[in-house]
Amino acid sequence: MAIEKTQSDEKTEKFIEEEMEKFEAMNGVACNFTPFCFVARENAEMVGALTGFLSFSEVYIDELVVFVTEPAEGHTAKRKFCSMPFLL
């Protein structure tokens, strides 16, 4: 057997998909793709969000976005935006 690094192409993707479907059918694995979105609110204002999906009994997180409040001089706090895409 020889293993080589290559570019993915349509033929390779089709092979992978067909073999995975065979494995899933033989082992009772179901995709059950279910997207989700959670939102955090403070005083009715959106301050964060989380998106992703469930698939094959696993959780995949796409993005987590949170506003962070920083102390500032005076009566008003500064807010900054933090975003973290998850590469799974």
N, C-alpha and C. Protein backbone atom coordinates (compact mmCIF):
# COMPACT_ATOMS: atom_id res chain seq x y z
N MET A 1 0.85 -1.17 0.00
CA MET A 1 0.00 0.00 0.00
C MET A 1 0.90 1.23 0.00
N ALA A 2 0.52 2.22 -0.77
CA ALA A 2 1.25 3.50 -0.81
C ALA A 2 0.29 4.61 -0.38
N ILE A 3 0.76 5.51 0.47
CA ILE A 3 -0.04 6.64 0.92
C ILE A 3 0.63 7.90 0.43
N GLU A 4 -0.14 8.77 -0.20
CA GLU A 4 0.43 9.99 -0.75
C GLU A 4 -0.46 11.19 -0.43
N LYS A 5 0.16 12.34 -0.26
CA LYS A 5 -0.57 13.59 -0.06
C LYS A 5 -1.04 14.06 -1.43
N THR A 6 -2.32 14.47 -1.48
CA THR A 6 -2.89 14.89 -2.75
C THR A 6 -3.97 15.93 -2.52
N GLN A 7 -4.45 16.52 -3.57
CA GLN A 7 -5.57 17.44 -3.49
C GLN A 7 -6.87 16.65 -3.53
N SER A 8 -7.82 17.06 -2.72
CA SER A 8 -9.12 16.40 -2.75
C SER A 8 -9.82 16.76 -4.05
N ASP A 9 -10.44 15.79 -4.65
CA ASP A 9 -11.18 16.03 -5.89
C ASP A 9 -12.54 15.33 -5.80
N GLU A 10 -13.33 15.45 -6.83
CA GLU A 10 -14.68 14.88 -6.84
C GLU A 10 -14.67 13.37 -6.65
N LYS A 11 -13.72 12.69 -7.28
CA LYS A 11 -13.62 11.23 -7.18
C LYS A 11 -13.31 10.82 -5.73
N THR A 12 -12.39 11.53 -5.08
CA THR A 12 -12.03 11.22 -3.70
C THR A 12 -13.20 11.49 -2.76
N GLU A 13 -13.85 12.63 -2.94
CA GLU A 13 -15.01 12.97 -2.11
C GLU A 13 -16.12 11.95 -2.26
N LYS A 14 -16.37 11.49 -3.47
CA LYS A 14 -17.41 10.48 -3.71
C LYS A 14 -17.03 9.16 -3.02
N PHE A 15 -15.77 8.76 -3.11
CA PHE A 15 -15.30 7.54 -2.45
C PHE A 15 -15.53 7.63 -0.95
N ILE A 16 -15.12 8.75 -0.35
CA ILE A 16 -15.28 8.94 1.09
C ILE A 16 -16.75 8.88 1.48
N GLU A 17 -17.59 9.59 0.77
CA GLU A 17 -19.02 9.62 1.09
C GLU A 17 -19.64 8.23 1.00
N GLU A 18 -19.33 7.50 -0.06
CA GLU A 18 -19.91 6.16 -0.24
C GLU A 18 -19.44 5.19 0.86
N GLU A 19 -18.16 5.23 1.20
CA GLU A 19 -17.63 4.34 2.22
C GLU A 19 -18.18 4.69 3.61
N MET A 20 -18.31 5.99 3.89
CA MET A 20 -18.88 6.40 5.17
C MET A 20 -20.34 5.95 5.27
N GLU A 21 -21.10 6.08 4.19
CA GLU A 21 -22.50 5.65 4.20
C GLU A 21 -22.60 4.15 4.44
N LYS A 22 -21.72 3.36 3.86
CA LYS A 22 -21.71 1.91 4.10
C LYS A 22 -21.42 1.62 5.57
N PHE A 23 -20.40 2.28 6.11
CA PHE A 23 -20.04 2.08 7.52
C PHE A 23 -21.20 2.46 8.44
N GLU A 24 -21.82 3.60 8.17
CA GLU A 24 -22.94 4.06 9.00
C GLU A 24 -24.10 3.09 8.95
N ALA A 25 -24.43 2.58 7.76
CA ALA A 25 -25.53 1.63 7.62
C ALA A 25 -25.23 0.33 8.37
N MET A 26 -24.01 -0.16 8.29
CA MET A 26 -23.63 -1.40 8.95
C MET A 26 -23.62 -1.26 10.47
N ASN A 27 -23.39 -0.04 10.97
CA ASN A 27 -23.22 0.16 12.41
C ASN A 27 -24.34 0.97 13.06
N GLY A 28 -25.41 1.21 12.33
CA GLY A 28 -26.55 1.91 12.90
C GLY A 28 -26.29 3.36 13.27
N VAL A 29 -25.37 4.00 12.56
CA VAL A 29 -25.04 5.40 12.84
C VAL A 29 -25.96 6.29 12.01
N ALA A 30 -26.55 7.28 12.68
CA ALA A 30 -27.44 8.21 11.98
C ALA A 30 -26.86 9.62 12.07
N CYS A 31 -26.94 10.35 10.98
CA CYS A 31 -26.42 11.71 10.94
C CYS A 31 -27.19 12.63 11.87
N ASN A 32 -28.51 12.67 11.73
CA ASN A 32 -29.37 13.53 12.55
C ASN A 32 -28.85 14.97 12.64
N PHE A 33 -28.50 15.56 11.50
CA PHE A 33 -27.98 16.93 11.45
C PHE A 33 -29.02 17.89 12.02
N THR A 34 -28.63 18.63 13.07
CA THR A 34 -29.54 19.56 13.73
C THR A 34 -28.79 20.86 14.05
N PRO A 35 -29.06 21.94 13.30
CA PRO A 35 -28.40 23.21 13.62
C PRO A 35 -29.00 23.82 14.89
N PHE A 36 -28.20 24.67 15.57
CA PHE A 36 -28.72 25.36 16.75
C PHE A 36 -28.12 26.76 16.86
N CYS A 37 -28.79 27.59 17.63
CA CYS A 37 -28.33 28.94 17.92
C CYS A 37 -28.80 29.31 19.31
N PHE A 38 -27.89 29.78 20.15
CA PHE A 38 -28.22 30.27 21.48
C PHE A 38 -27.85 31.74 21.53
N VAL A 39 -28.68 32.53 22.20
CA VAL A 39 -28.44 33.96 22.33
C VAL A 39 -28.46 34.33 23.80
N ALA A 40 -27.49 35.14 24.23
CA ALA A 40 -27.45 35.67 25.60
C ALA A 40 -27.95 37.11 25.55
N ARG A 41 -28.86 37.44 26.46
CA ARG A 41 -29.41 38.80 26.52
C ARG A 41 -29.23 39.36 27.92
N GLU A 42 -28.98 40.65 27.97
CA GLU A 42 -28.90 41.37 29.23
C GLU A 42 -29.76 42.61 29.08
N ASN A 43 -30.79 42.72 29.92
CA ASN A 43 -31.74 43.84 29.81
C ASN A 43 -32.31 43.93 28.39
N ALA A 44 -32.69 42.82 27.83
CA ALA A 44 -33.29 42.69 26.49
C ALA A 44 -32.33 43.01 25.36
N GLU A 45 -31.06 43.27 25.66
CA GLU A 45 -30.06 43.55 24.63
C GLU A 45 -29.22 42.30 24.39
N MET A 46 -29.02 41.94 23.12
CA MET A 46 -28.20 40.78 22.79
C MET A 46 -26.74 41.09 23.11
N VAL A 47 -26.12 40.24 23.93
CA VAL A 47 -24.73 40.45 24.32
C VAL A 47 -23.83 39.28 23.92
N GLY A 48 -24.43 38.24 23.36
CA GLY A 48 -23.64 37.10 22.91
C GLY A 48 -24.46 36.13 22.10
N ALA A 49 -23.78 35.29 21.33
CA ALA A 49 -24.47 34.28 20.53
C ALA A 49 -23.52 33.11 20.26
N LEU A 50 -24.11 31.95 20.11
CA LEU A 50 -23.37 30.72 19.83
C LEU A 50 -24.13 29.98 18.75
N THR A 51 -23.44 29.60 17.66
CA THR A 51 -24.08 28.82 16.60
C THR A 51 -23.30 27.54 16.38
N GLY A 52 -23.98 26.55 15.88
CA GLY A 52 -23.35 25.28 15.58
C GLY A 52 -24.37 24.25 15.15
N PHE A 53 -23.99 22.99 15.25
CA PHE A 53 -24.92 21.93 14.88
C PHE A 53 -24.56 20.63 15.58
N LEU A 54 -25.54 19.76 15.68
CA LEU A 54 -25.35 18.40 16.19
C LEU A 54 -25.30 17.48 14.99
N SER A 55 -24.43 16.51 15.03
CA SER A 55 -24.33 15.54 13.95
C SER A 55 -23.59 14.32 14.48
N PHE A 56 -24.11 13.13 14.19
CA PHE A 56 -23.48 11.89 14.62
C PHE A 56 -23.19 11.88 16.12
N SER A 57 -24.13 12.37 16.92
CA SER A 57 -24.00 12.40 18.38
C SER A 57 -22.83 13.26 18.85
N GLU A 58 -22.43 14.23 18.04
CA GLU A 58 -21.36 15.15 18.39
C GLU A 58 -21.86 16.58 18.27
N VAL A 59 -21.23 17.49 18.99
CA VAL A 59 -21.58 18.90 18.93
C VAL A 59 -20.45 19.64 18.20
N TYR A 60 -20.82 20.41 17.20
CA TYR A 60 -19.87 21.23 16.45
C TYR A 60 -20.23 22.69 16.68
N ILE A 61 -19.28 23.48 17.18
CA ILE A 61 -19.52 24.91 17.41
C ILE A 61 -18.91 25.67 16.24
N ASP A 62 -19.74 26.48 15.58
CA ASP A 62 -19.25 27.29 14.47
C ASP A 62 -18.68 28.61 14.97
N GLU A 63 -19.48 29.37 15.70
CA GLU A 63 -19.03 30.67 16.16
C GLU A 63 -19.55 30.98 17.55
N LEU A 64 -18.71 31.66 18.31
CA LEU A 64 -19.06 32.16 19.63
C LEU A 64 -18.74 33.65 19.61
N VAL A 65 -19.75 34.48 19.86
CA VAL A 65 -19.59 35.93 19.83
C VAL A 65 -20.06 36.49 21.16
N VAL A 66 -19.22 37.32 21.79
CA VAL A 66 -19.55 37.88 23.10
C VAL A 66 -19.11 39.34 23.14
N PHE A 67 -19.97 40.19 23.69
CA PHE A 67 -19.57 41.57 23.98
C PHE A 67 -19.00 41.58 25.38
N VAL A 68 -17.85 42.18 25.54
CA VAL A 68 -17.18 42.26 26.83
C VAL A 68 -17.21 43.71 27.29
N THR A 69 -17.62 43.92 28.51
CA THR A 69 -17.66 45.26 29.07
C THR A 69 -16.38 45.51 29.85
N GLU A 70 -15.72 46.62 29.55
CA GLU A 70 -14.50 46.99 30.25
C GLU A 70 -14.78 48.20 31.13
N PRO A 71 -14.20 48.23 32.30
CA PRO A 71 -14.37 49.41 33.15
C PRO A 71 -13.79 50.64 32.46
N ALA A 72 -14.44 51.76 32.64
CA ALA A 72 -13.97 53.02 32.05
C ALA A 72 -14.15 54.13 33.07
N GLU A 73 -13.46 55.21 32.84
CA GLU A 73 -13.61 56.35 33.74
C GLU A 73 -15.00 56.95 33.56
N GLY A 74 -15.54 57.48 34.63
CA GLY A 74 -16.87 58.07 34.54
C GLY A 74 -17.94 57.03 34.76
N HIS A 75 -19.12 57.30 34.25
CA HIS A 75 -20.28 56.45 34.49
C HIS A 75 -20.53 55.43 33.39
N THR A 76 -19.85 55.56 32.25
CA THR A 76 -20.13 54.68 31.12
C THR A 76 -18.99 53.69 30.91
N ALA A 77 -19.33 52.42 30.78
CA ALA A 77 -18.32 51.40 30.52
C ALA A 77 -18.14 51.27 29.01
N LYS A 78 -16.92 50.96 28.60
CA LYS A 78 -16.66 50.71 27.18
C LYS A 78 -17.00 49.25 26.89
N ARG A 79 -17.51 49.02 25.69
CA ARG A 79 -17.79 47.64 25.29
C ARG A 79 -16.93 47.29 24.09
N LYS A 80 -16.44 46.09 24.09
CA LYS A 80 -15.70 45.64 22.92
C LYS A 80 -16.27 44.30 22.46
N PHE A 81 -16.07 44.01 21.22
CA PHE A 81 -16.62 42.84 20.57
C PHE A 81 -15.55 41.76 20.51
N CYS A 82 -15.89 40.56 20.94
CA CYS A 82 -14.98 39.42 20.84
C CYS A 82 -15.66 38.32 20.05
N SER A 83 -14.98 37.81 19.06
CA SER A 83 -15.53 36.73 18.25
C SER A 83 -14.49 35.64 18.10
N MET A 84 -14.94 34.39 18.17
CA MET A 84 -14.03 33.29 18.02
C MET A 84 -14.66 32.21 17.14
N PRO A 85 -14.23 32.12 15.89
CA PRO A 85 -14.71 30.99 15.07
C PRO A 85 -13.97 29.73 15.49
N PHE A 86 -14.68 28.65 15.58
CA PHE A 86 -14.08 27.37 15.95
C PHE A 86 -13.84 26.56 14.71
N LEU A 87 -12.64 26.12 14.52
CA LEU A 87 -12.30 25.30 13.37
C LEU A 87 -12.19 23.86 13.82
N LEU A 88 -13.21 23.09 13.53
CA LEU A 88 -13.22 21.69 13.97
C LEU A 88 -13.09 20.78 12.78
